[in-house]
Amino acid sequence: MLAKLKTEKTISYIILFLFIISLLPLLYIARYDHSCADDYSYGLLARQAWQNTHSIWAAMAAAAQKVQTAYTDWQGTFSSIFLMSLQPSVFGERLYAITPFIMLGSLLFSMFFFLRTVLITYLKANRYQYLAVSSILLFLSIQLVYSPVEAFYWFNGAVHYVFMHSVMLTVLGIILIMLKEKRKTQKILFILLASLLGIIIGGGNYITVLLTLILFCVCIFLLFLIDKRQIKYVAVPFFTILISFIISAAAPGNALRKSVIGVSYSPLESIFLSFKFGVQYLEYCEKAGLFI
């Protein structure tokens, strides 16, 4: 057993080391990263506020103003818009180079945190197995992403999708830890943290929030079968996310944007088409040789 553990330790450290090495080129080219496209329109008000006052609070107030405007005339994803409006170049163009550090950092933290909970707390894996599996999954997630520019280097797009995905993984990890916690005070703290982060998810992109709600429903269903007493704890962040999502979806700007784009599908049609186009995309990737 000691020999096996020593082998696992060596292999896991080698995998982790190779994964870290794979990140270095991505972080090195961050120096060439600059804001573009929607970064300017979303960050304009906060940039003007920063230039006039050099106050972070003034910039945040301007970002909130942008949320209010966009909610009315373009889209309801309030937490994403708030973060988009505070993109790094608002405070100086050279700061935009921290974008991939933020996005990769959030993904690394959330994936390691979530997998630690799943693998060690629930599946009883040792830390070397956890490090190896986490490093491999992160390597694949980062190196095989369809558009690295939009995933890690373009703040507007990355914060809307990659960062929100990271928040989702963090919330799921917190919920899983909370279900194992015996102390009621600690449970309440975990619920409050998950609910606060849930507001961010609820105001983010609809793909992530819908996936989160589905996973919560699965969790509640399993608890109904296994331990009904725990349902009330999961229900609080679930409804927090749901209410935030409803506020986002009910934005007048969504209806206006829909009329501008000229596409109108019912919820069921949208779900069906998402699966249809997903399968078509997988077929395209296979024909293009994008799968290893």
C-alpha atoms as a PDB file:
ATOM      1  CA  MET A   1       0.000   0.000   0.000  1.00  0.00           C
ATOM      2  CA  LEU A   2       2.855   2.376   0.792  1.00  0.00           C
ATOM      3  CA  ALA A   3       4.478   1.650  -2.575  1.00  0.00           C
ATOM      4  CA  LYS A   4       1.174   2.249  -4.350  1.00  0.00           C
ATOM      5  CA  LEU A   5       0.642   5.505  -2.482  1.00  0.00           C
ATOM      6  CA  LYS A   6       4.165   6.640  -3.317  1.00  0.00           C
ATOM      7  CA  THR A   7       3.532   5.894  -7.001  1.00  0.00           C
ATOM      8  CA  GLU A   8       0.239   7.807  -6.929  1.00  0.00           C
ATOM      9  CA  LYS A   9       1.992  10.721  -5.252  1.00  0.00           C
ATOM     10  CA  THR A  10       4.721  10.836  -7.901  1.00  0.00           C
ATOM     11  CA  ILE A  11       2.280  10.558 -10.803  1.00  0.00           C
ATOM     12  CA  SER A  12      -0.067  13.193  -9.372  1.00  0.00           C
ATOM     13  CA  TYR A  13       2.767  15.669  -8.852  1.00  0.00           C
ATOM     14  CA  ILE A  14       4.038  15.093 -12.392  1.00  0.00           C
ATOM     15  CA  ILE A  15       0.532  15.687 -13.801  1.00  0.00           C
ATOM     16  CA  LEU A  16       0.092  18.796 -11.671  1.00  0.00           C
ATOM     17  CA  PHE A  17       3.494  20.108 -12.737  1.00  0.00           C
ATOM     18  CA  LEU A  18       2.721  19.562 -16.429  1.00  0.00           C
ATOM     19  CA  PHE A  19      -0.632  21.279 -15.990  1.00  0.00           C
ATOM     20  CA  ILE A  20       1.024  24.324 -14.401  1.00  0.00           C
ATOM     21  CA  ILE A  21       3.561  24.426 -17.241  1.00  0.00           C
ATOM     22  CA  SER A  22       0.679  24.374 -19.747  1.00  0.00           C
ATOM     23  CA  LEU A  23      -0.711  27.558 -18.159  1.00  0.00           C
ATOM     24  CA  LEU A  24       2.491  29.583 -18.472  1.00  0.00           C
ATOM     25  CA  PRO A  25       2.193  30.431 -22.212  1.00  0.00           C
ATOM     26  CA  LEU A  26      -1.440  31.500 -21.685  1.00  0.00           C
ATOM     27  CA  LEU A  27      -0.431  33.827 -18.880  1.00  0.00           C
ATOM     28  CA  TYR A  28       2.687  35.072 -20.669  1.00  0.00           C
ATOM     29  CA  ILE A  29       0.753  36.414 -23.658  1.00  0.00           C
ATOM     30  CA  ALA A  30      -1.615  38.272 -21.308  1.00  0.00           C
ATOM     31  CA  ARG A  31       0.696  41.281 -21.733  1.00  0.00           C
ATOM     32  CA  TYR A  32      -0.704  41.700 -25.252  1.00  0.00           C
ATOM     33  CA  ASP A  33      -4.334  41.687 -24.112  1.00  0.00           C
ATOM     34  CA  HIS A  34      -6.382  44.827 -24.806  1.00  0.00           C
ATOM     35  CA  SER A  35     -10.019  45.778 -24.438  1.00  0.00           C
ATOM     36  CA  CYS A  36     -12.244  45.604 -27.503  1.00  0.00           C
ATOM     37  CA  ALA A  37     -15.820  45.554 -28.798  1.00  0.00           C
ATOM     38  CA  ASP A  38     -18.425  45.569 -25.990  1.00  0.00           C
ATOM     39  CA  ASP A  39     -15.782  46.368 -23.384  1.00  0.00           C
ATOM     40  CA  TYR A  40     -16.017  49.987 -24.509  1.00  0.00           C
ATOM     41  CA  SER A  41     -19.793  50.390 -24.542  1.00  0.00           C
ATOM     42  CA  TYR A  42     -20.341  48.652 -21.210  1.00  0.00           C
ATOM     43  CA  GLY A  43     -17.380  50.288 -19.501  1.00  0.00           C
ATOM     44  CA  LEU A  44     -17.967  53.844 -20.765  1.00  0.00           C
ATOM     45  CA  LEU A  45     -19.937  55.233 -17.811  1.00  0.00           C
ATOM     46  CA  ALA A  46     -17.648  53.700 -15.200  1.00  0.00           C
ATOM     47  CA  ARG A  47     -14.589  54.929 -17.119  1.00  0.00           C
ATOM     48  CA  GLN A  48     -15.929  58.487 -17.185  1.00  0.00           C
ATOM     49  CA  ALA A  49     -16.765  58.319 -13.483  1.00  0.00           C
ATOM     50  CA  TRP A  50     -13.269  57.030 -12.685  1.00  0.00           C
ATOM     51  CA  GLN A  51     -11.569  59.726 -14.761  1.00  0.00           C
ATOM     52  CA  ASN A  52     -13.632  62.465 -13.102  1.00  0.00           C
ATOM     53  CA  THR A  53     -13.391  61.304  -9.488  1.00  0.00           C
ATOM     54  CA  HIS A  54     -10.839  58.472  -9.168  1.00  0.00           C
ATOM     55  CA  SER A  55     -13.338  56.947  -6.763  1.00  0.00           C
ATOM     56  CA  ILE A  56     -14.104  53.232  -6.911  1.00  0.00           C
ATOM     57  CA  TRP A  57     -17.522  53.959  -5.424  1.00  0.00           C
ATOM     58  CA  ALA A  58     -18.306  56.417  -8.215  1.00  0.00           C
ATOM     59  CA  ALA A  59     -17.265  53.811 -10.783  1.00  0.00           C
ATOM     60  CA  MET A  60     -19.495  51.224  -9.106  1.00  0.00           C
ATOM     61  CA  ALA A  61     -22.406  53.673  -9.070  1.00  0.00           C
ATOM     62  CA  ALA A  62     -21.872  54.262 -12.784  1.00  0.00           C
ATOM     63  CA  ALA A  63     -21.839  50.495 -13.340  1.00  0.00           C
ATOM     64  CA  ALA A  64     -25.164  50.257 -11.488  1.00  0.00           C
ATOM     65  CA  GLN A  65     -26.504  53.014 -13.751  1.00  0.00           C
ATOM     66  CA  LYS A  66     -25.443  50.962 -16.783  1.00  0.00           C
ATOM     67  CA  VAL A  67     -27.306  47.963 -15.345  1.00  0.00           C
ATOM     68  CA  GLN A  68     -30.457  50.053 -15.023  1.00  0.00           C
ATOM     69  CA  THR A  69     -30.183  51.342 -18.598  1.00  0.00           C
ATOM     70  CA  ALA A  70     -29.414  47.930 -20.126  1.00  0.00           C
ATOM     71  CA  TYR A  71     -32.197  46.298 -18.117  1.00  0.00           C
ATOM     72  CA  THR A  72     -34.647  48.624 -19.796  1.00  0.00           C
ATOM     73  CA  ASP A  73     -33.356  48.702 -23.364  1.00  0.00           C
ATOM     74  CA  TRP A  74     -31.201  45.608 -24.052  1.00  0.00           C
ATOM     75  CA  GLN A  75     -30.906  42.690 -21.583  1.00  0.00           C
ATOM     76  CA  GLY A  76     -31.724  41.706 -18.041  1.00  0.00           C
ATOM     77  CA  THR A  77     -28.551  39.892 -16.972  1.00  0.00           C
ATOM     78  CA  PHE A  78     -27.883  42.395 -14.214  1.00  0.00           C
ATOM     79  CA  SER A  79     -24.913  40.796 -12.434  1.00  0.00           C
ATOM     80  CA  SER A  80     -23.056  40.178 -15.710  1.00  0.00           C
ATOM     81  CA  ILE A  81     -23.665  43.740 -16.879  1.00  0.00           C
ATOM     82  CA  PHE A  82     -22.448  45.140 -13.577  1.00  0.00           C
ATOM     83  CA  LEU A  83     -19.194  43.181 -13.853  1.00  0.00           C
ATOM     84  CA  MET A  84     -18.844  43.988 -17.566  1.00  0.00           C
ATOM     85  CA  SER A  85     -19.119  47.672 -16.718  1.00  0.00           C
ATOM     86  CA  LEU A  86     -16.180  47.374 -14.329  1.00  0.00           C
ATOM     87  CA  GLN A  87     -13.829  45.691 -16.805  1.00  0.00           C
ATOM     88  CA  PRO A  88     -10.136  46.336 -15.960  1.00  0.00           C
ATOM     89  CA  SER A  89      -9.372  48.980 -18.609  1.00  0.00           C
ATOM     90  CA  VAL A  90     -11.926  51.242 -16.912  1.00  0.00           C
ATOM     91  CA  PHE A  91      -9.136  51.925 -14.426  1.00  0.00           C
ATOM     92  CA  GLY A  92      -6.324  51.925 -17.002  1.00  0.00           C
ATOM     93  CA  GLU A  93      -5.764  50.154 -20.312  1.00  0.00           C
ATOM     94  CA  ARG A  94      -2.641  48.381 -19.060  1.00  0.00           C
ATOM     95  CA  LEU A  95      -4.708  46.716 -16.335  1.00  0.00           C
ATOM     96  CA  TYR A  96      -6.672  44.838 -18.963  1.00  0.00           C
ATOM     97  CA  ALA A  97      -3.805  42.324 -19.012  1.00  0.00           C
ATOM     98  CA  ILE A  98      -5.079  40.885 -15.724  1.00  0.00           C
ATOM     99  CA  THR A  99      -8.202  39.553 -17.489  1.00  0.00           C
ATOM    100  CA  PRO A 100      -6.851  36.025 -18.190  1.00  0.00           C
ATOM    101  CA  PHE A 101      -5.462  35.851 -14.644  1.00  0.00           C
ATOM    102  CA  ILE A 102      -8.943  36.590 -13.279  1.00  0.00           C
ATOM    103  CA  MET A 103     -10.737  34.154 -15.574  1.00  0.00           C
ATOM    104  CA  LEU A 104      -8.239  31.311 -15.312  1.00  0.00           C
ATOM    105  CA  GLY A 105      -7.921  31.929 -11.584  1.00  0.00           C
ATOM    106  CA  SER A 106     -11.674  31.709 -11.035  1.00  0.00           C
ATOM    107  CA  LEU A 107     -11.883  28.520 -13.093  1.00  0.00           C
ATOM    108  CA  LEU A 108      -8.966  26.894 -11.256  1.00  0.00           C
ATOM    109  CA  PHE A 109     -10.305  27.809  -7.826  1.00  0.00           C
ATOM    110  CA  SER A 110     -13.851  26.637  -8.525  1.00  0.00           C
ATOM    111  CA  MET A 111     -12.847  23.388 -10.236  1.00  0.00           C
ATOM    112  CA  PHE A 112     -10.344  22.418  -7.545  1.00  0.00           C
ATOM    113  CA  PHE A 113     -12.851  23.351  -4.833  1.00  0.00           C
ATOM    114  CA  PHE A 114     -15.771  21.480  -6.398  1.00  0.00           C
ATOM    115  CA  LEU A 115     -13.765  18.368  -7.251  1.00  0.00           C
ATOM    116  CA  ARG A 116     -12.181  18.277  -3.808  1.00  0.00           C
ATOM    117  CA  THR A 117     -15.653  18.127  -2.316  1.00  0.00           C
ATOM    118  CA  VAL A 118     -16.830  15.436  -4.732  1.00  0.00           C
ATOM    119  CA  LEU A 119     -13.697  13.286  -4.810  1.00  0.00           C
ATOM    120  CA  ILE A 120     -12.385  13.542  -1.257  1.00  0.00           C
ATOM    121  CA  THR A 121     -15.455  14.338   0.862  1.00  0.00           C
ATOM    122  CA  TYR A 122     -17.938  12.108  -0.976  1.00  0.00           C
ATOM    123  CA  LEU A 123     -15.956   9.488  -2.924  1.00  0.00           C
ATOM    124  CA  LYS A 124     -13.186   9.137  -0.315  1.00  0.00           C
ATOM    125  CA  ALA A 125     -10.350   9.529  -2.821  1.00  0.00           C
ATOM    126  CA  ASN A 126      -6.939  10.491  -1.471  1.00  0.00           C
ATOM    127  CA  ARG A 127      -5.409  13.874  -2.216  1.00  0.00           C
ATOM    128  CA  TYR A 128      -3.082  12.489  -4.893  1.00  0.00           C
ATOM    129  CA  GLN A 129      -5.970  11.014  -6.857  1.00  0.00           C
ATOM    130  CA  TYR A 130      -7.812  14.310  -6.419  1.00  0.00           C
ATOM    131  CA  LEU A 131      -4.871  16.364  -7.701  1.00  0.00           C
ATOM    132  CA  ALA A 132      -4.380  14.123 -10.722  1.00  0.00           C
ATOM    133  CA  VAL A 133      -8.042  14.061 -11.757  1.00  0.00           C
ATOM    134  CA  SER A 134      -8.505  17.805 -11.175  1.00  0.00           C
ATOM    135  CA  SER A 135      -5.376  18.702 -13.152  1.00  0.00           C
ATOM    136  CA  ILE A 136      -6.401  16.514 -16.096  1.00  0.00           C
ATOM    137  CA  LEU A 137      -9.954  17.879 -16.225  1.00  0.00           C
ATOM    138  CA  LEU A 138      -8.725  21.455 -15.968  1.00  0.00           C
ATOM    139  CA  PHE A 139      -6.124  20.856 -18.680  1.00  0.00           C
ATOM    140  CA  LEU A 140      -8.820  19.554 -21.031  1.00  0.00           C
ATOM    141  CA  SER A 141     -11.250  22.345 -20.099  1.00  0.00           C
ATOM    142  CA  ILE A 142      -8.678  25.050 -20.801  1.00  0.00           C
ATOM    143  CA  GLN A 143      -6.694  23.667 -23.719  1.00  0.00           C
ATOM    144  CA  LEU A 144      -9.686  22.402 -25.707  1.00  0.00           C
ATOM    145  CA  VAL A 145     -11.948  25.409 -25.215  1.00  0.00           C
ATOM    146  CA  TYR A 146     -13.506  26.415 -28.528  1.00  0.00           C
ATOM    147  CA  SER A 147     -12.488  30.091 -28.396  1.00  0.00           C
ATOM    148  CA  PRO A 148      -9.645  30.894 -25.951  1.00  0.00           C
ATOM    149  CA  VAL A 149      -9.878  34.596 -26.793  1.00  0.00           C
ATOM    150  CA  GLU A 150     -13.495  34.838 -25.694  1.00  0.00           C
ATOM    151  CA  ALA A 151     -13.056  32.399 -22.816  1.00  0.00           C
ATOM    152  CA  PHE A 152     -10.051  33.978 -21.098  1.00  0.00           C
ATOM    153  CA  TYR A 153      -8.884  37.188 -22.778  1.00  0.00           C
ATOM    154  CA  TRP A 154     -12.020  39.148 -23.664  1.00  0.00           C
ATOM    155  CA  PHE A 155     -13.384  40.353 -20.331  1.00  0.00           C
ATOM    156  CA  ASN A 156     -16.916  41.048 -21.527  1.00  0.00           C
ATOM    157  CA  GLY A 157     -17.463  37.545 -22.870  1.00  0.00           C
ATOM    158  CA  ALA A 158     -15.376  35.708 -20.282  1.00  0.00           C
ATOM    159  CA  VAL A 159     -17.059  37.231 -17.255  1.00  0.00           C
ATOM    160  CA  HIS A 160     -20.472  36.430 -18.735  1.00  0.00           C
ATOM    161  CA  TYR A 161     -19.698  32.737 -19.280  1.00  0.00           C
ATOM    162  CA  VAL A 162     -16.464  31.396 -17.756  1.00  0.00           C
ATOM    163  CA  PHE A 163     -16.681  33.423 -14.550  1.00  0.00           C
ATOM    164  CA  MET A 164     -20.371  32.569 -14.095  1.00  0.00           C
ATOM    165  CA  HIS A 165     -19.577  28.908 -14.704  1.00  0.00           C
ATOM    166  CA  SER A 166     -16.933  29.174 -11.984  1.00  0.00           C
ATOM    167  CA  VAL A 167     -19.423  30.715  -9.566  1.00  0.00           C
ATOM    168  CA  MET A 168     -21.827  27.852 -10.328  1.00  0.00           C
ATOM    169  CA  LEU A 169     -19.184  25.230  -9.480  1.00  0.00           C
ATOM    170  CA  THR A 170     -18.374  27.088  -6.263  1.00  0.00           C
ATOM    171  CA  VAL A 171     -22.037  27.183  -5.222  1.00  0.00           C
ATOM    172  CA  LEU A 172     -22.468  23.478  -5.961  1.00  0.00           C
ATOM    173  CA  GLY A 173     -19.382  22.724  -3.888  1.00  0.00           C
ATOM    174  CA  ILE A 174     -20.736  24.795  -0.993  1.00  0.00           C
ATOM    175  CA  ILE A 175     -24.073  22.967  -1.131  1.00  0.00           C
ATOM    176  CA  LEU A 176     -22.356  19.586  -1.078  1.00  0.00           C
ATOM    177  CA  ILE A 177     -20.249  20.621   1.925  1.00  0.00           C
ATOM    178  CA  MET A 178     -23.331  22.004   3.666  1.00  0.00           C
ATOM    179  CA  LEU A 179     -25.161  18.673   3.291  1.00  0.00           C
ATOM    180  CA  LYS A 180     -22.323  16.963   5.189  1.00  0.00           C
ATOM    181  CA  GLU A 181     -22.167  19.612   7.902  1.00  0.00           C
ATOM    182  CA  LYS A 182     -23.779  18.656  11.231  1.00  0.00           C
ATOM    183  CA  ARG A 183     -23.635  22.028  12.996  1.00  0.00           C
ATOM    184  CA  LYS A 184     -26.718  24.144  12.310  1.00  0.00           C
ATOM    185  CA  THR A 185     -24.833  27.446  12.590  1.00  0.00           C
ATOM    186  CA  GLN A 186     -22.353  26.355   9.942  1.00  0.00           C
ATOM    187  CA  LYS A 187     -25.171  25.142   7.730  1.00  0.00           C
ATOM    188  CA  ILE A 188     -26.791  28.585   7.889  1.00  0.00           C
ATOM    189  CA  LEU A 189     -23.513  30.287   6.993  1.00  0.00           C
ATOM    190  CA  PHE A 190     -23.088  27.993   3.989  1.00  0.00           C
ATOM    191  CA  ILE A 191     -26.678  28.706   2.920  1.00  0.00           C
ATOM    192  CA  LEU A 192     -26.157  32.456   3.145  1.00  0.00           C
ATOM    193  CA  LEU A 193     -22.936  32.254   1.128  1.00  0.00           C
ATOM    194  CA  ALA A 194     -24.551  30.033  -1.513  1.00  0.00           C
ATOM    195  CA  SER A 195     -27.533  32.394  -1.717  1.00  0.00           C
ATOM    196  CA  LEU A 196     -25.365  35.485  -2.162  1.00  0.00           C
ATOM    197  CA  LEU A 197     -23.381  33.788  -4.912  1.00  0.00           C
ATOM    198  CA  GLY A 198     -26.676  32.504  -6.288  1.00  0.00           C
ATOM    199  CA  ILE A 199     -27.804  36.069  -6.946  1.00  0.00           C
ATOM    200  CA  ILE A 200     -24.750  36.478  -9.182  1.00  0.00           C
ATOM    201  CA  ILE A 201     -25.639  33.290 -11.061  1.00  0.00           C
ATOM    202  CA  GLY A 202     -29.299  34.302 -11.378  1.00  0.00           C
ATOM    203  CA  GLY A 203     -28.274  37.584 -12.958  1.00  0.00           C
ATOM    204  CA  GLY A 204     -25.767  35.962 -15.310  1.00  0.00           C
ATOM    205  CA  ASN A 205     -26.087  34.142 -18.607  1.00  0.00           C
ATOM    206  CA  TYR A 206     -29.155  31.977 -19.041  1.00  0.00           C
ATOM    207  CA  ILE A 207     -27.269  28.799 -19.946  1.00  0.00           C
ATOM    208  CA  THR A 208     -25.497  28.726 -16.592  1.00  0.00           C
ATOM    209  CA  VAL A 209     -28.508  29.708 -14.502  1.00  0.00           C
ATOM    210  CA  LEU A 210     -30.753  27.106 -16.162  1.00  0.00           C
ATOM    211  CA  LEU A 211     -28.141  24.380 -15.641  1.00  0.00           C
ATOM    212  CA  THR A 212     -27.781  25.442 -12.004  1.00  0.00           C
ATOM    213  CA  LEU A 213     -31.541  25.290 -11.421  1.00  0.00           C
ATOM    214  CA  ILE A 214     -31.727  21.852 -13.042  1.00  0.00           C
ATOM    215  CA  LEU A 215     -28.919  20.542 -10.830  1.00  0.00           C
ATOM    216  CA  PHE A 216     -30.640  21.977  -7.757  1.00  0.00           C
ATOM    217  CA  CYS A 217     -33.869  20.221  -8.756  1.00  0.00           C
ATOM    218  CA  VAL A 218     -31.963  16.942  -9.090  1.00  0.00           C
ATOM    219  CA  CYS A 219     -30.413  17.519  -5.670  1.00  0.00           C
ATOM    220  CA  ILE A 220     -33.808  18.259  -4.077  1.00  0.00           C
ATOM    221  CA  PHE A 221     -35.316  15.153  -5.701  1.00  0.00           C
ATOM    222  CA  LEU A 222     -32.501  12.948  -4.354  1.00  0.00           C
ATOM    223  CA  LEU A 223     -32.871  14.481  -0.906  1.00  0.00           C
ATOM    224  CA  PHE A 224     -36.598  13.737  -1.048  1.00  0.00           C
ATOM    225  CA  LEU A 225     -35.673  10.085  -1.449  1.00  0.00           C
ATOM    226  CA  ILE A 226     -32.745  10.030   0.986  1.00  0.00           C
ATOM    227  CA  ASP A 227     -33.053  12.763   3.644  1.00  0.00           C
ATOM    228  CA  LYS A 228     -36.099  15.066   3.517  1.00  0.00           C
ATOM    229  CA  ARG A 229     -34.813  17.133   6.442  1.00  0.00           C
ATOM    230  CA  GLN A 230     -32.078  18.621   4.256  1.00  0.00           C
ATOM    231  CA  ILE A 231     -34.457  19.935   1.577  1.00  0.00           C
ATOM    232  CA  LYS A 232     -35.214  23.154   3.462  1.00  0.00           C
ATOM    233  CA  TYR A 233     -31.529  24.056   3.449  1.00  0.00           C
ATOM    234  CA  VAL A 234     -31.131  23.572  -0.300  1.00  0.00           C
ATOM    235  CA  ALA A 235     -34.449  25.304  -1.014  1.00  0.00           C
ATOM    236  CA  VAL A 236     -33.206  28.708   0.204  1.00  0.00           C
ATOM    237  CA  PRO A 237     -30.397  29.200  -2.351  1.00  0.00           C
ATOM    238  CA  PHE A 238     -32.568  27.479  -4.992  1.00  0.00           C
ATOM    239  CA  PHE A 239     -35.329  30.063  -4.656  1.00  0.00           C
ATOM    240  CA  THR A 240     -32.775  32.858  -4.425  1.00  0.00           C
ATOM    241  CA  ILE A 241     -31.365  31.811  -7.799  1.00  0.00           C
ATOM    242  CA  LEU A 242     -34.857  31.286  -9.235  1.00  0.00           C
ATOM    243  CA  ILE A 243     -36.101  34.720  -8.165  1.00  0.00           C
ATOM    244  CA  SER A 244     -32.938  36.381  -9.499  1.00  0.00           C
ATOM    245  CA  PHE A 245     -33.432  34.537 -12.792  1.00  0.00           C
ATOM    246  CA  ILE A 246     -37.069  35.659 -13.009  1.00  0.00           C
ATOM    247  CA  ILE A 247     -36.017  39.275 -12.407  1.00  0.00           C
ATOM    248  CA  SER A 248     -33.430  38.941 -15.174  1.00  0.00           C
ATOM    249  CA  ALA A 249     -35.781  37.215 -17.622  1.00  0.00           C
ATOM    250  CA  ALA A 250     -38.583  39.730 -16.999  1.00  0.00           C
ATOM    251  CA  ALA A 251     -36.439  42.695 -18.085  1.00  0.00           C
ATOM    252  CA  PRO A 252     -38.140  44.991 -20.623  1.00  0.00           C
ATOM    253  CA  GLY A 253     -34.842  45.065 -22.502  1.00  0.00           C
ATOM    254  CA  ASN A 254     -35.151  41.355 -23.308  1.00  0.00           C
ATOM    255  CA  ALA A 255     -38.429  41.928 -25.149  1.00  0.00           C
ATOM    256  CA  LEU A 256     -36.951  44.918 -26.963  1.00  0.00           C
ATOM    257  CA  ARG A 257     -33.853  42.957 -27.961  1.00  0.00           C
ATOM    258  CA  LYS A 258     -36.048  40.108 -29.155  1.00  0.00           C
ATOM    259  CA  SER A 259     -37.986  42.461 -31.425  1.00  0.00           C
ATOM    260  CA  VAL A 260     -34.753  43.920 -32.832  1.00  0.00           C
ATOM    261  CA  ILE A 261     -33.267  40.501 -33.563  1.00  0.00           C
ATOM    262  CA  GLY A 262     -36.548  39.334 -35.063  1.00  0.00           C
ATOM    263  CA  VAL A 263     -36.415  35.752 -33.721  1.00  0.00           C
ATOM    264  CA  SER A 264     -39.329  34.393 -31.718  1.00  0.00           C
ATOM    265  CA  TYR A 265     -39.396  30.912 -30.179  1.00  0.00           C
ATOM    266  CA  SER A 266     -41.452  29.491 -27.343  1.00  0.00           C
ATOM    267  CA  PRO A 267     -39.556  28.045 -24.351  1.00  0.00           C
ATOM    268  CA  LEU A 268     -40.190  24.477 -25.551  1.00  0.00           C
ATOM    269  CA  GLU A 269     -39.043  25.328 -29.084  1.00  0.00           C
ATOM    270  CA  SER A 270     -35.908  26.932 -27.673  1.00  0.00           C
ATOM    271  CA  ILE A 271     -35.080  23.825 -25.629  1.00  0.00           C
ATOM    272  CA  PHE A 272     -35.659  21.539 -28.616  1.00  0.00           C
ATOM    273  CA  LEU A 273     -33.544  23.708 -30.929  1.00  0.00           C
ATOM    274  CA  SER A 274     -30.725  23.902 -28.375  1.00  0.00           C
ATOM    275  CA  PHE A 275     -30.459  20.093 -28.389  1.00  0.00           C
ATOM    276  CA  LYS A 276     -30.778  19.985 -32.177  1.00  0.00           C
ATOM    277  CA  PHE A 277     -28.021  22.537 -32.761  1.00  0.00           C
ATOM    278  CA  GLY A 278     -25.898  20.929 -30.054  1.00  0.00           C
ATOM    279  CA  VAL A 279     -25.967  17.603 -31.898  1.00  0.00           C
ATOM    280  CA  GLN A 280     -25.262  19.360 -35.207  1.00  0.00           C
ATOM    281  CA  TYR A 281     -22.301  21.132 -33.643  1.00  0.00           C
ATOM    282  CA  LEU A 282     -20.884  17.853 -32.309  1.00  0.00           C
ATOM    283  CA  GLU A 283     -21.201  16.346 -35.795  1.00  0.00           C
ATOM    284  CA  TYR A 284     -19.407  19.375 -37.257  1.00  0.00           C
ATOM    285  CA  CYS A 285     -16.592  19.077 -34.696  1.00  0.00           C
ATOM    286  CA  GLU A 286     -16.164  15.386 -35.444  1.00  0.00           C
ATOM    287  CA  LYS A 287     -15.981  16.002 -39.222  1.00  0.00           C
ATOM    288  CA  ALA A 288     -13.532  18.854 -38.695  1.00  0.00           C
ATOM    289  CA  GLY A 289     -11.262  16.598 -36.648  1.00  0.00           C
ATOM    290  CA  LEU A 290     -11.599  18.692 -33.487  1.00  0.00           C
ATOM    291  CA  PHE A 291     -12.029  15.608 -31.315  1.00  0.00           C
ATOM    292  CA  ILE A 292      -8.940  13.700 -30.259  1.00  0.00           C
END
